[in-house]
Amino acid sequence: MKSVRIFAIAFSIAWLFSMPSCLQIELNEDVPACIEHMIKQRRRAPVQNPPASVWKWEVDGQVYYYFTGDCCDQFNELYDSECNYVCAPDGGLSGQGDGQCPAFNSPIVKSLIWQDPRK
């Protein structure tokens, strides 16, 4: 009887600790593992206003991921496909970003990857 109780307690603890790691998110297409991890981190955080979203940008033969910031004067962040921060294309106090983005030579093709379903 004691071993059954210990097993039940151990199972419950293991289940509780595994919950954050098995958070399922719905993505519109495959993304690098590091980008998926960043999205899961956003999903675990409090709901943004407006809700967080992630867009894939294809431009000049490169793929970038654009993460929207929280309300009011926050930067929207752009990362490359290896999760290296590139720049903030917009947002911030001026709404013009951080001024560090590369000069893109072709139109940006944007596609929605994920949007936080929480309200």
C-alpha atoms as a PDB file:
ATOM      1  CA  MET A   1       0.000   0.000   0.000  1.00  0.00           C
ATOM      2  CA  LYS A   2       2.822   2.367   0.872  1.00  0.00           C
ATOM      3  CA  SER A   3       4.538   1.699  -2.471  1.00  0.00           C
ATOM      4  CA  VAL A   4       1.329   2.523  -4.363  1.00  0.00           C
ATOM      5  CA  ARG A   5       1.074   5.855  -2.520  1.00  0.00           C
ATOM      6  CA  ILE A   6       4.733   6.672  -3.261  1.00  0.00           C
ATOM      7  CA  PHE A   7       4.221   5.772  -6.931  1.00  0.00           C
ATOM      8  CA  ALA A   8       1.131   8.010  -7.117  1.00  0.00           C
ATOM      9  CA  ILE A   9       2.987  10.940  -5.554  1.00  0.00           C
ATOM     10  CA  ALA A  10       6.016  10.460  -7.814  1.00  0.00           C
ATOM     11  CA  PHE A  11       3.788  10.211 -10.900  1.00  0.00           C
ATOM     12  CA  SER A  12       1.898  13.382  -9.915  1.00  0.00           C
ATOM     13  CA  ILE A  13       5.112  15.334  -9.414  1.00  0.00           C
ATOM     14  CA  ALA A  14       6.549  14.127 -12.736  1.00  0.00           C
ATOM     15  CA  TRP A  15       3.324  15.059 -14.508  1.00  0.00           C
ATOM     16  CA  LEU A  16       3.312  18.569 -13.021  1.00  0.00           C
ATOM     17  CA  PHE A  17       6.920  19.227 -14.037  1.00  0.00           C
ATOM     18  CA  SER A  18       6.323  17.967 -17.567  1.00  0.00           C
ATOM     19  CA  MET A  19       3.379  20.275 -18.239  1.00  0.00           C
ATOM     20  CA  PRO A  20       5.290  23.404 -19.361  1.00  0.00           C
ATOM     21  CA  SER A  21       7.496  21.459 -21.743  1.00  0.00           C
ATOM     22  CA  CYS A  22       4.591  19.811 -23.571  1.00  0.00           C
ATOM     23  CA  LEU A  23       2.715  23.041 -24.283  1.00  0.00           C
ATOM     24  CA  GLN A  24       1.237  22.581 -27.742  1.00  0.00           C
ATOM     25  CA  ILE A  25       1.065  25.513 -30.106  1.00  0.00           C
ATOM     26  CA  GLU A  26      -0.538  25.678 -33.524  1.00  0.00           C
ATOM     27  CA  LEU A  27       1.883  26.926 -36.179  1.00  0.00           C
ATOM     28  CA  ASN A  28       0.855  27.688 -39.746  1.00  0.00           C
ATOM     29  CA  GLU A  29       4.113  26.193 -41.070  1.00  0.00           C
ATOM     30  CA  ASP A  30       7.364  24.614 -39.929  1.00  0.00           C
ATOM     31  CA  VAL A  31       9.850  26.916 -38.236  1.00  0.00           C
ATOM     32  CA  PRO A  32      13.347  26.391 -36.803  1.00  0.00           C
ATOM     33  CA  ALA A  33      13.326  24.792 -33.338  1.00  0.00           C
ATOM     34  CA  CYS A  34      14.735  27.943 -31.728  1.00  0.00           C
ATOM     35  CA  ILE A  35      11.891  30.062 -33.165  1.00  0.00           C
ATOM     36  CA  GLU A  36       9.336  27.523 -31.929  1.00  0.00           C
ATOM     37  CA  HIS A  37      10.937  27.717 -28.483  1.00  0.00           C
ATOM     38  CA  MET A  38      10.667  31.528 -28.529  1.00  0.00           C
ATOM     39  CA  ILE A  39       6.978  31.249 -29.479  1.00  0.00           C
ATOM     40  CA  LYS A  40       6.377  28.826 -26.601  1.00  0.00           C
ATOM     41  CA  GLN A  41       8.007  31.322 -24.239  1.00  0.00           C
ATOM     42  CA  ARG A  42       5.602  34.012 -25.473  1.00  0.00           C
ATOM     43  CA  ARG A  43       2.692  31.610 -25.015  1.00  0.00           C
ATOM     44  CA  ARG A  44       3.680  31.038 -21.378  1.00  0.00           C
ATOM     45  CA  ALA A  45       3.930  34.784 -20.655  1.00  0.00           C
ATOM     46  CA  PRO A  46       0.908  36.928 -19.752  1.00  0.00           C
ATOM     47  CA  VAL A  47      -1.337  37.856 -22.677  1.00  0.00           C
ATOM     48  CA  GLN A  48      -0.131  40.877 -24.633  1.00  0.00           C
ATOM     49  CA  ASN A  49      -2.407  43.666 -25.796  1.00  0.00           C
ATOM     50  CA  PRO A  50      -2.838  43.261 -28.712  1.00  0.00           C
ATOM     51  CA  PRO A  51      -2.213  39.482 -28.641  1.00  0.00           C
ATOM     52  CA  ALA A  52       1.295  38.422 -29.660  1.00  0.00           C
ATOM     53  CA  SER A  53       1.900  37.237 -33.203  1.00  0.00           C
ATOM     54  CA  VAL A  54       4.857  35.962 -35.211  1.00  0.00           C
ATOM     55  CA  TRP A  55       5.301  36.560 -38.927  1.00  0.00           C
ATOM     56  CA  LYS A  56       7.736  35.042 -41.390  1.00  0.00           C
ATOM     57  CA  TRP A  57       9.405  37.613 -43.619  1.00  0.00           C
ATOM     58  CA  GLU A  58      11.029  36.491 -46.855  1.00  0.00           C
ATOM     59  CA  VAL A  59      13.207  39.148 -48.458  1.00  0.00           C
ATOM     60  CA  ASP A  60      16.420  39.242 -50.497  1.00  0.00           C
ATOM     61  CA  GLY A  61      16.749  35.442 -50.346  1.00  0.00           C
ATOM     62  CA  GLN A  62      16.670  35.421 -46.510  1.00  0.00           C
ATOM     63  CA  VAL A  63      14.067  34.338 -43.969  1.00  0.00           C
ATOM     64  CA  TYR A  64      13.364  36.401 -40.871  1.00  0.00           C
ATOM     65  CA  TYR A  65      10.857  36.109 -38.043  1.00  0.00           C
ATOM     66  CA  TYR A  66       9.012  39.206 -36.838  1.00  0.00           C
ATOM     67  CA  PHE A  67       7.700  39.091 -33.244  1.00  0.00           C
ATOM     68  CA  THR A  68       5.156  41.721 -32.257  1.00  0.00           C
ATOM     69  CA  GLY A  69       5.720  43.576 -29.009  1.00  0.00           C
ATOM     70  CA  ASP A  70       3.303  44.351 -26.233  1.00  0.00           C
ATOM     71  CA  CYS A  71       1.192  47.483 -26.196  1.00  0.00           C
ATOM     72  CA  CYS A  72       2.351  50.981 -26.295  1.00  0.00           C
ATOM     73  CA  ASP A  73       5.825  52.010 -27.368  1.00  0.00           C
ATOM     74  CA  GLN A  74       7.398  48.528 -27.305  1.00  0.00           C
ATOM     75  CA  PHE A  75       9.691  47.413 -30.118  1.00  0.00           C
ATOM     76  CA  ASN A  76       8.642  44.705 -32.565  1.00  0.00           C
ATOM     77  CA  GLU A  77      11.645  42.405 -32.951  1.00  0.00           C
ATOM     78  CA  LEU A  78      13.121  40.760 -36.033  1.00  0.00           C
ATOM     79  CA  TYR A  79      15.220  37.573 -35.773  1.00  0.00           C
ATOM     80  CA  ASP A  80      17.043  35.525 -38.396  1.00  0.00           C
ATOM     81  CA  SER A  81      16.364  31.805 -38.861  1.00  0.00           C
ATOM     82  CA  GLU A  82      19.008  30.978 -36.223  1.00  0.00           C
ATOM     83  CA  CYS A  83      17.292  33.187 -33.609  1.00  0.00           C
ATOM     84  CA  ASN A  84      19.878  35.942 -33.771  1.00  0.00           C
ATOM     85  CA  TYR A  85      18.380  39.345 -33.054  1.00  0.00           C
ATOM     86  CA  VAL A  86      18.554  41.487 -36.190  1.00  0.00           C
ATOM     87  CA  CYS A  87      16.703  44.685 -35.356  1.00  0.00           C
ATOM     88  CA  ALA A  88      13.436  46.335 -34.386  1.00  0.00           C
ATOM     89  CA  PRO A  89      11.812  47.382 -37.681  1.00  0.00           C
ATOM     90  CA  ASP A  90       9.144  49.424 -35.924  1.00  0.00           C
ATOM     91  CA  GLY A  91       7.662  50.268 -32.559  1.00  0.00           C
ATOM     92  CA  GLY A  92       9.344  52.126 -29.721  1.00  0.00           C
ATOM     93  CA  LEU A  93       8.667  55.708 -28.704  1.00  0.00           C
ATOM     94  CA  SER A  94       9.045  57.033 -32.228  1.00  0.00           C
ATOM     95  CA  GLY A  95       7.281  54.114 -33.910  1.00  0.00           C
ATOM     96  CA  GLN A  96      10.287  53.887 -36.245  1.00  0.00           C
ATOM     97  CA  GLY A  97      12.069  50.978 -34.542  1.00  0.00           C
ATOM     98  CA  ASP A  98      15.704  50.999 -33.456  1.00  0.00           C
ATOM     99  CA  GLY A  99      17.187  52.133 -36.792  1.00  0.00           C
ATOM    100  CA  GLN A 100      19.404  49.031 -37.031  1.00  0.00           C
ATOM    101  CA  CYS A 101      17.599  47.086 -39.772  1.00  0.00           C
ATOM    102  CA  PRO A 102      19.364  46.255 -43.017  1.00  0.00           C
ATOM    103  CA  ALA A 103      18.230  48.034 -46.159  1.00  0.00           C
ATOM    104  CA  PHE A 104      16.084  45.465 -47.952  1.00  0.00           C
ATOM    105  CA  ASN A 105      16.299  45.577 -51.742  1.00  0.00           C
ATOM    106  CA  SER A 106      13.115  43.718 -52.631  1.00  0.00           C
ATOM    107  CA  PRO A 107       9.539  43.651 -51.339  1.00  0.00           C
ATOM    108  CA  ILE A 108       9.002  41.745 -48.094  1.00  0.00           C
ATOM    109  CA  VAL A 109       6.726  38.704 -48.405  1.00  0.00           C
ATOM    110  CA  LYS A 110       4.971  38.306 -45.049  1.00  0.00           C
ATOM    111  CA  SER A 111       3.067  35.275 -43.757  1.00  0.00           C
ATOM    112  CA  LEU A 112       1.477  34.764 -40.354  1.00  0.00           C
ATOM    113  CA  ILE A 113       3.117  31.882 -38.460  1.00  0.00           C
ATOM    114  CA  TRP A 114       1.348  32.140 -35.091  1.00  0.00           C
ATOM    115  CA  GLN A 115      -1.027  34.368 -33.185  1.00  0.00           C
ATOM    116  CA  ASP A 116      -1.765  33.965 -29.490  1.00  0.00           C
ATOM    117  CA  PRO A 117      -5.328  32.623 -29.259  1.00  0.00           C
ATOM    118  CA  ARG A 118      -5.811  33.917 -25.721  1.00  0.00           C
ATOM    119  CA  LYS A 119      -7.814  37.057 -25.126  1.00  0.00           C
END
